[in-house]
C-alpha atoms as a PDB file:
ATOM      1  CA  MET A   1     164.891  -1.683  42.897  1.00  0.00           C
ATOM      2  CA  ILE A   2     161.827  -0.751  44.807  1.00  0.00           C
ATOM      3  CA  GLY A   3     158.553  -2.025  46.123  1.00  0.00           C
ATOM      4  CA  SER A   4     155.379   0.061  46.179  1.00  0.00           C
ATOM      5  CA  ASN A   5     155.335   2.706  48.928  1.00  0.00           C
ATOM      6  CA  ILE A   6     158.556   4.621  48.290  1.00  0.00           C
ATOM      7  CA  ASP A   7     158.419   6.037  44.771  1.00  0.00           C
ATOM      8  CA  ASP A   8     162.015   5.706  43.618  1.00  0.00           C
ATOM      9  CA  ASN A   9     161.124   4.378  40.179  1.00  0.00           C
ATOM     10  CA  LYS A  10     162.199   7.537  38.339  1.00  0.00           C
ATOM     11  CA  TYR A  11     165.612   7.377  40.005  1.00  0.00           C
ATOM     12  CA  TRP A  12     166.148   3.733  39.068  1.00  0.00           C
ATOM     13  CA  ASN A  13     164.825   4.128  35.516  1.00  0.00           C
ATOM     14  CA  ASP A  14     167.213   7.032  34.958  1.00  0.00           C
ATOM     15  CA  PHE A  15     170.032   5.062  36.579  1.00  0.00           C
ATOM     16  CA  TYR A  16     169.628   2.002  34.358  1.00  0.00           C
ATOM     17  CA  ARG A  17     169.178   4.077  31.214  1.00  0.00           C
ATOM     18  CA  LYS A  18     172.586   5.611  31.886  1.00  0.00           C
ATOM     19  CA  ASN A  19     174.277   2.544  33.374  1.00  0.00           C
ATOM     20  CA  HIS A  20     173.775  -0.605  31.365  1.00  0.00           C
ATOM     21  CA  GLY A  21     176.424  -2.414  33.354  1.00  0.00           C
ATOM     22  CA  ASP A  22     178.313  -5.611  32.603  1.00  0.00           C
ATOM     23  CA  LEU A  23     175.829  -8.482  32.697  1.00  0.00           C
ATOM     24  CA  SER A  24     178.702 -10.967  32.720  1.00  0.00           C
ATOM     25  CA  SER A  25     179.996  -9.564  36.028  1.00  0.00           C
ATOM     26  CA  HIS A  26     178.168 -10.939  39.065  1.00  0.00           C
ATOM     27  CA  THR A  27     178.544  -9.652  42.624  1.00  0.00           C
ATOM     28  CA  LEU A  28     180.673 -11.062  45.421  1.00  0.00           C
ATOM     29  CA  PHE A  29     177.499 -11.834  47.365  1.00  0.00           C
ATOM     30  CA  ALA A  30     176.069 -14.007  44.588  1.00  0.00           C
ATOM     31  CA  GLU A  31     179.324 -15.947  44.432  1.00  0.00           C
ATOM     32  CA  TYR A  32     179.403 -16.329  48.227  1.00  0.00           C
ATOM     33  CA  ILE A  33     175.845 -17.640  48.361  1.00  0.00           C
ATOM     34  CA  PHE A  34     176.398 -20.126  45.539  1.00  0.00           C
ATOM     35  CA  ASP A  35     179.711 -21.393  46.910  1.00  0.00           C
ATOM     36  CA  HIS A  36     178.688 -21.703  50.560  1.00  0.00           C
ATOM     37  CA  TRP A  37     174.922 -22.124  50.803  1.00  0.00           C
ATOM     38  CA  ILE A  38     173.469 -23.705  47.673  1.00  0.00           C
ATOM     39  CA  HIS A  39     173.397 -27.485  47.739  1.00  0.00           C
ATOM     40  CA  ARG A  40     170.190 -29.156  46.578  1.00  0.00           C
ATOM     41  CA  GLN A  41     168.259 -25.919  46.063  1.00  0.00           C
ATOM     42  CA  ARG A  42     167.020 -25.383  42.518  1.00  0.00           C
ATOM     43  CA  THR A  43     164.677 -22.368  42.400  1.00  0.00           C
ATOM     44  CA  VAL A  44     165.632 -18.763  43.158  1.00  0.00           C
ATOM     45  CA  LEU A  45     163.592 -15.576  43.512  1.00  0.00           C
ATOM     46  CA  ASP A  46     165.845 -12.544  42.987  1.00  0.00           C
ATOM     47  CA  CYS A  47     164.059  -9.594  44.626  1.00  0.00           C
ATOM     48  CA  GLY A  48     165.078  -6.287  43.069  1.00  0.00           C
ATOM     49  CA  CYS A  49     167.285  -7.921  40.444  1.00  0.00           C
ATOM     50  CA  GLY A  50     168.250  -4.674  38.700  1.00  0.00           C
ATOM     51  CA  ASN A  51     169.873  -5.463  35.366  1.00  0.00           C
ATOM     52  CA  GLY A  52     169.814  -9.174  36.229  1.00  0.00           C
ATOM     53  CA  ARG A  53     173.524  -9.851  36.541  1.00  0.00           C
ATOM     54  CA  ASP A  54     173.206 -12.041  39.658  1.00  0.00           C
ATOM     55  CA  SER A  55     170.118 -13.779  38.263  1.00  0.00           C
ATOM     56  CA  LEU A  56     172.096 -14.618  35.122  1.00  0.00           C
ATOM     57  CA  TYR A  57     174.991 -15.902  37.258  1.00  0.00           C
ATOM     58  CA  PHE A  58     172.666 -18.276  39.109  1.00  0.00           C
ATOM     59  CA  GLY A  59     171.080 -19.313  35.820  1.00  0.00           C
ATOM     60  CA  LYS A  60     174.489 -20.177  34.356  1.00  0.00           C
ATOM     61  CA  LYS A  61     175.052 -22.354  37.420  1.00  0.00           C
ATOM     62  CA  GLY A  62     171.954 -24.362  36.536  1.00  0.00           C
ATOM     63  CA  LEU A  63     169.413 -22.838  38.912  1.00  0.00           C
ATOM     64  CA  ASP A  64     165.905 -21.814  37.835  1.00  0.00           C
ATOM     65  CA  VAL A  65     165.637 -18.090  38.512  1.00  0.00           C
ATOM     66  CA  THR A  66     162.819 -15.568  38.642  1.00  0.00           C
ATOM     67  CA  GLY A  67     164.200 -12.022  38.674  1.00  0.00           C
ATOM     68  CA  VAL A  68     161.903  -9.172  39.680  1.00  0.00           C
ATOM     69  CA  ASP A  69     162.434  -5.418  39.514  1.00  0.00           C
ATOM     70  CA  ALA A  70     160.085  -2.439  39.256  1.00  0.00           C
ATOM     71  CA  SER A  71     162.393  -0.555  36.875  1.00  0.00           C
ATOM     72  CA  LYS A  72     161.221  -0.903  33.288  1.00  0.00           C
ATOM     73  CA  ALA A  73     164.593   0.391  32.121  1.00  0.00           C
ATOM     74  CA  ALA A  74     166.420  -2.366  34.020  1.00  0.00           C
ATOM     75  CA  ILE A  75     164.148  -5.221  32.971  1.00  0.00           C
ATOM     76  CA  GLY A  76     164.075  -3.903  29.412  1.00  0.00           C
ATOM     77  CA  GLN A  77     167.814  -4.510  29.086  1.00  0.00           C
ATOM     78  CA  ILE A  78     167.453  -8.246  29.704  1.00  0.00           C
ATOM     79  CA  LYS A  79     166.499 -10.842  27.147  1.00  0.00           C
ATOM     80  CA  ASN A  80     163.704 -12.923  28.650  1.00  0.00           C
ATOM     81  CA  ASP A  81     164.811 -16.186  27.044  1.00  0.00           C
ATOM     82  CA  VAL A  82     168.237 -16.409  28.676  1.00  0.00           C
ATOM     83  CA  LEU A  83     169.324 -19.690  30.227  1.00  0.00           C
ATOM     84  CA  ASN A  84     167.094 -20.764  33.123  1.00  0.00           C
ATOM     85  CA  CYS A  85     165.923 -17.236  33.918  1.00  0.00           C
ATOM     86  CA  LYS A  86     162.701 -15.331  33.545  1.00  0.00           C
ATOM     87  CA  PHE A  87     162.282 -11.672  34.421  1.00  0.00           C
ATOM     88  CA  ILE A  88     159.254  -9.751  35.645  1.00  0.00           C
ATOM     89  CA  CYS A  89     158.796  -5.996  35.867  1.00  0.00           C
ATOM     90  CA  GLY A  90     156.786  -5.607  39.053  1.00  0.00           C
ATOM     91  CA  ASP A  91     156.575  -5.191  42.820  1.00  0.00           C
ATOM     92  CA  PHE A  92     158.784  -7.729  44.580  1.00  0.00           C
ATOM     93  CA  VAL A  93     157.128  -6.956  47.920  1.00  0.00           C
ATOM     94  CA  ASN A  94     153.507  -7.841  47.135  1.00  0.00           C
ATOM     95  CA  GLY A  95     153.325  -8.842  43.464  1.00  0.00           C
ATOM     96  CA  LEU A  96     150.746 -11.623  43.162  1.00  0.00           C
ATOM     97  CA  ASN A  97     152.318 -13.027  39.997  1.00  0.00           C
ATOM     98  CA  ILE A  98     155.590 -13.418  41.893  1.00  0.00           C
ATOM     99  CA  TYR A  99     154.237 -15.283  44.889  1.00  0.00           C
ATOM    100  CA  GLU A 100     152.116 -17.779  42.970  1.00  0.00           C
ATOM    101  CA  GLN A 101     154.862 -20.378  43.341  1.00  0.00           C
ATOM    102  CA  ARG A 102     157.314 -21.527  45.973  1.00  0.00           C
ATOM    103  CA  TYR A 103     161.071 -21.084  45.913  1.00  0.00           C
ATOM    104  CA  ASP A 104     164.099 -22.721  47.510  1.00  0.00           C
ATOM    105  CA  ILE A 105     165.945 -19.413  47.834  1.00  0.00           C
ATOM    106  CA  CYS A 106     164.908 -15.791  48.084  1.00  0.00           C
ATOM    107  CA  TYR A 107     167.877 -13.590  47.189  1.00  0.00           C
ATOM    108  CA  SER A 108     167.807  -9.935  48.237  1.00  0.00           C
ATOM    109  CA  ARG A 109     170.911  -7.897  47.540  1.00  0.00           C
ATOM    110  CA  PHE A 110     170.781  -4.149  48.209  1.00  0.00           C
ATOM    111  CA  THR A 111     166.983  -4.094  48.116  1.00  0.00           C
ATOM    112  CA  ILE A 112     165.737  -4.058  51.710  1.00  0.00           C
ATOM    113  CA  HIS A 113     167.471  -0.729  52.342  1.00  0.00           C
ATOM    114  CA  ALA A 114     165.592   0.674  49.314  1.00  0.00           C
ATOM    115  CA  ILE A 115     162.134   0.037  50.783  1.00  0.00           C
ATOM    116  CA  SER A 116     160.277   1.274  53.847  1.00  0.00           C
ATOM    117  CA  LEU A 117     160.036  -0.668  57.100  1.00  0.00           C
ATOM    118  CA  GLU A 118     156.350  -1.350  56.331  1.00  0.00           C
ATOM    119  CA  GLN A 119     157.328  -2.837  52.990  1.00  0.00           C
ATOM    120  CA  GLU A 120     160.108  -4.849  54.584  1.00  0.00           C
ATOM    121  CA  LEU A 121     157.700  -6.449  57.045  1.00  0.00           C
ATOM    122  CA  ALA A 122     155.351  -7.375  54.190  1.00  0.00           C
ATOM    123  CA  LEU A 123     158.292  -8.814  52.247  1.00  0.00           C
ATOM    124  CA  LEU A 124     159.378 -10.970  55.190  1.00  0.00           C
ATOM    125  CA  ARG A 125     155.860 -12.364  55.551  1.00  0.00           C
ATOM    126  CA  ASN A 126     155.515 -13.113  51.839  1.00  0.00           C
ATOM    127  CA  VAL A 127     158.938 -14.705  51.557  1.00  0.00           C
ATOM    128  CA  HIS A 128     158.362 -16.895  54.608  1.00  0.00           C
ATOM    129  CA  THR A 129     155.026 -18.055  53.203  1.00  0.00           C
ATOM    130  CA  ASN A 130     156.432 -18.852  49.770  1.00  0.00           C
ATOM    131  CA  LEU A 131     159.758 -20.458  50.602  1.00  0.00           C
ATOM    132  CA  ASN A 132     159.900 -24.236  50.547  1.00  0.00           C
ATOM    133  CA  ARG A 133     160.639 -26.006  53.812  1.00  0.00           C
ATOM    134  CA  ASN A 134     164.271 -25.320  54.801  1.00  0.00           C
ATOM    135  CA  GLY A 135     164.391 -22.632  52.102  1.00  0.00           C
ATOM    136  CA  LEU A 136     166.901 -19.805  52.499  1.00  0.00           C
ATOM    137  CA  PHE A 137     166.427 -16.042  52.622  1.00  0.00           C
ATOM    138  CA  CYS A 138     169.778 -14.510  51.597  1.00  0.00           C
ATOM    139  CA  ILE A 139     170.151 -10.801  52.381  1.00  0.00           C
ATOM    140  CA  GLU A 140     172.860  -8.213  51.786  1.00  0.00           C
ATOM    141  CA  VAL A 141     172.040  -4.683  52.887  1.00  0.00           C
ATOM    142  CA  ARG A 142     173.599  -1.368  53.892  1.00  0.00           C
ATOM    143  CA  SER A 143     174.322  -0.825  57.587  1.00  0.00           C
ATOM    144  CA  ILE A 144     173.793   2.211  59.812  1.00  0.00           C
ATOM    145  CA  HIS A 145     177.600   2.378  59.910  1.00  0.00           C
ATOM    146  CA  ASP A 146     177.668   3.240  56.200  1.00  0.00           C
ATOM    147  CA  GLU A 147     179.490   6.502  55.431  1.00  0.00           C
ATOM    148  CA  LEU A 148     176.352   7.827  53.704  1.00  0.00           C
ATOM    149  CA  TYR A 149     174.268   7.511  56.883  1.00  0.00           C
ATOM    150  CA  GLY A 150     172.842  10.888  57.875  1.00  0.00           C
ATOM    151  CA  LYS A 151     173.508  12.584  54.536  1.00  0.00           C
ATOM    152  CA  GLY A 152     170.680  14.310  52.708  1.00  0.00           C
ATOM    153  CA  GLU A 153     167.089  14.915  53.748  1.00  0.00           C
ATOM    154  CA  TRP A 154     165.727  12.985  56.728  1.00  0.00           C
ATOM    155  CA  ALA A 155     162.930  10.638  55.604  1.00  0.00           C
ATOM    156  CA  GLY A 156     162.113   8.680  58.759  1.00  0.00           C
ATOM    157  CA  LYS A 157     163.973   6.468  61.237  1.00  0.00           C
ATOM    158  CA  ASP A 158     167.453   5.751  59.830  1.00  0.00           C
ATOM    159  CA  SER A 159     166.171   6.866  56.408  1.00  0.00           C
ATOM    160  CA  PHE A 160     167.415   9.645  54.143  1.00  0.00           C
ATOM    161  CA  ILE A 161     166.999  10.948  50.603  1.00  0.00           C
ATOM    162  CA  TYR A 162     170.423  11.762  49.208  1.00  0.00           C
ATOM    163  CA  ASN A 163     171.160  12.725  45.598  1.00  0.00           C
ATOM    164  CA  GLY A 164     167.529  12.002  44.768  1.00  0.00           C
ATOM    165  CA  HIS A 165     167.697   8.450  46.106  1.00  0.00           C
ATOM    166  CA  TYR A 166     165.956   6.949  49.164  1.00  0.00           C
ATOM    167  CA  ARG A 167     167.997   4.775  51.521  1.00  0.00           C
ATOM    168  CA  ARG A 168     166.970   3.210  54.836  1.00  0.00           C
ATOM    169  CA  PHE A 169     170.028   2.091  56.742  1.00  0.00           C
ATOM    170  CA  ILE A 170     169.697  -1.127  58.725  1.00  0.00           C
ATOM    171  CA  LYS A 171     170.636  -2.126  62.274  1.00  0.00           C
ATOM    172  CA  MET A 172     171.613  -5.788  62.129  1.00  0.00           C
ATOM    173  CA  GLU A 173     170.195  -6.692  65.527  1.00  0.00           C
ATOM    174  CA  GLU A 174     166.810  -5.193  64.634  1.00  0.00           C
ATOM    175  CA  LEU A 175     166.740  -6.970  61.254  1.00  0.00           C
ATOM    176  CA  LEU A 176     167.485 -10.304  62.926  1.00  0.00           C
ATOM    177  CA  ILE A 177     164.640  -9.767  65.395  1.00  0.00           C
ATOM    178  CA  ARG A 178     162.219  -8.966  62.570  1.00  0.00           C
ATOM    179  CA  LEU A 179     163.304 -12.091  60.701  1.00  0.00           C
ATOM    180  CA  MET A 180     162.801 -14.275  63.757  1.00  0.00           C
ATOM    181  CA  ASP A 181     159.431 -12.643  64.468  1.00  0.00           C
ATOM    182  CA  ALA A 182     158.427 -13.606  60.898  1.00  0.00           C
ATOM    183  CA  GLY A 183     159.305 -17.234  61.631  1.00  0.00           C
ATOM    184  CA  PHE A 184     162.850 -17.508  60.271  1.00  0.00           C
ATOM    185  CA  GLY A 185     165.819 -19.123  61.938  1.00  0.00           C
ATOM    186  CA  ILE A 186     169.166 -17.363  61.564  1.00  0.00           C
ATOM    187  CA  LYS A 187     171.883 -19.501  59.985  1.00  0.00           C
ATOM    188  CA  TYR A 188     174.497 -16.772  59.514  1.00  0.00           C
ATOM    189  CA  ALA A 189     174.813 -13.041  60.196  1.00  0.00           C
ATOM    190  CA  GLU A 190     177.801 -10.730  59.862  1.00  0.00           C
ATOM    191  CA  GLU A 191     178.420  -7.009  59.481  1.00  0.00           C
ATOM    192  CA  ASN A 192     181.743  -6.002  57.966  1.00  0.00           C
ATOM    193  CA  THR A 193     183.655  -4.232  55.225  1.00  0.00           C
ATOM    194  CA  GLY A 194     185.075  -6.125  52.281  1.00  0.00           C
ATOM    195  CA  PHE A 195     181.694  -7.494  51.199  1.00  0.00           C
ATOM    196  CA  ALA A 196     180.857  -4.948  48.503  1.00  0.00           C
ATOM    197  CA  PRO A 197     183.834  -2.728  47.625  1.00  0.00           C
ATOM    198  CA  PHE A 198     183.143  -0.341  44.764  1.00  0.00           C
ATOM    199  CA  GLU A 199     185.746   1.926  43.193  1.00  0.00           C
ATOM    200  CA  ASP A 200     187.303   3.789  46.161  1.00  0.00           C
ATOM    201  CA  THR A 201     184.622   2.867  48.722  1.00  0.00           C
ATOM    202  CA  ASP A 202     184.306  -0.149  51.011  1.00  0.00           C
ATOM    203  CA  PRO A 203     181.123   0.325  53.050  1.00  0.00           C
ATOM    204  CA  TYR A 204     179.948  -1.607  56.086  1.00  0.00           C
ATOM    205  CA  ILE A 205     177.534  -4.230  54.825  1.00  0.00           C
ATOM    206  CA  ILE A 206     175.242  -6.693  56.613  1.00  0.00           C
ATOM    207  CA  ARG A 207     174.977 -10.249  55.338  1.00  0.00           C
ATOM    208  CA  VAL A 208     172.296 -12.602  56.633  1.00  0.00           C
ATOM    209  CA  VAL A 209     171.236 -16.107  55.684  1.00  0.00           C
ATOM    210  CA  ALA A 210     167.930 -17.060  57.294  1.00  0.00           C
ATOM    211  CA  CYS A 211     166.085 -20.369  57.050  1.00  0.00           C
ATOM    212  CA  ARG A 212     162.365 -21.140  56.917  1.00  0.00           C
END
């Protein structure tokens, strides 16, 4: 799940070759967004969709979904004729074939912390331009209070390479300012545990719903 400047493609290709995952098991964030925020919205752009499990969840709920990921191994696991979904192997930050249409929702789970600040700013601009009026930008991302913060090789402000994987940990207040500077209004923002428990970990996670 990566854009263009940080070259983490080898990591993610290796990851998805080894971890096919359960495509029938969506995330808690996808369920939260569908249950609480989706009303008349029909079209979804899933930025950094990985193996597509949340895209497929939205598709099963009747939404039209475009899932994008730079990992060929991840996209290669997904059948491209499933439900209401189509999948693109490409750059979700600047890919021209991605931003040729408008969307009601841009969904970004665990992707913004995998790209540089420069890429994030470009993503915010592109999403704002290509969301329909009153469209939603739904974000879940790792916080600076994550237990992995500071581990590994320093790679820039709040950024580290740990176990061969780049992560940029996010300060919620700074993310909200960047969203507002890009023209978004903030509908909801919370930082807490319990959002993305995995095995024996329960990290601090930021959730944001912004509106165009």
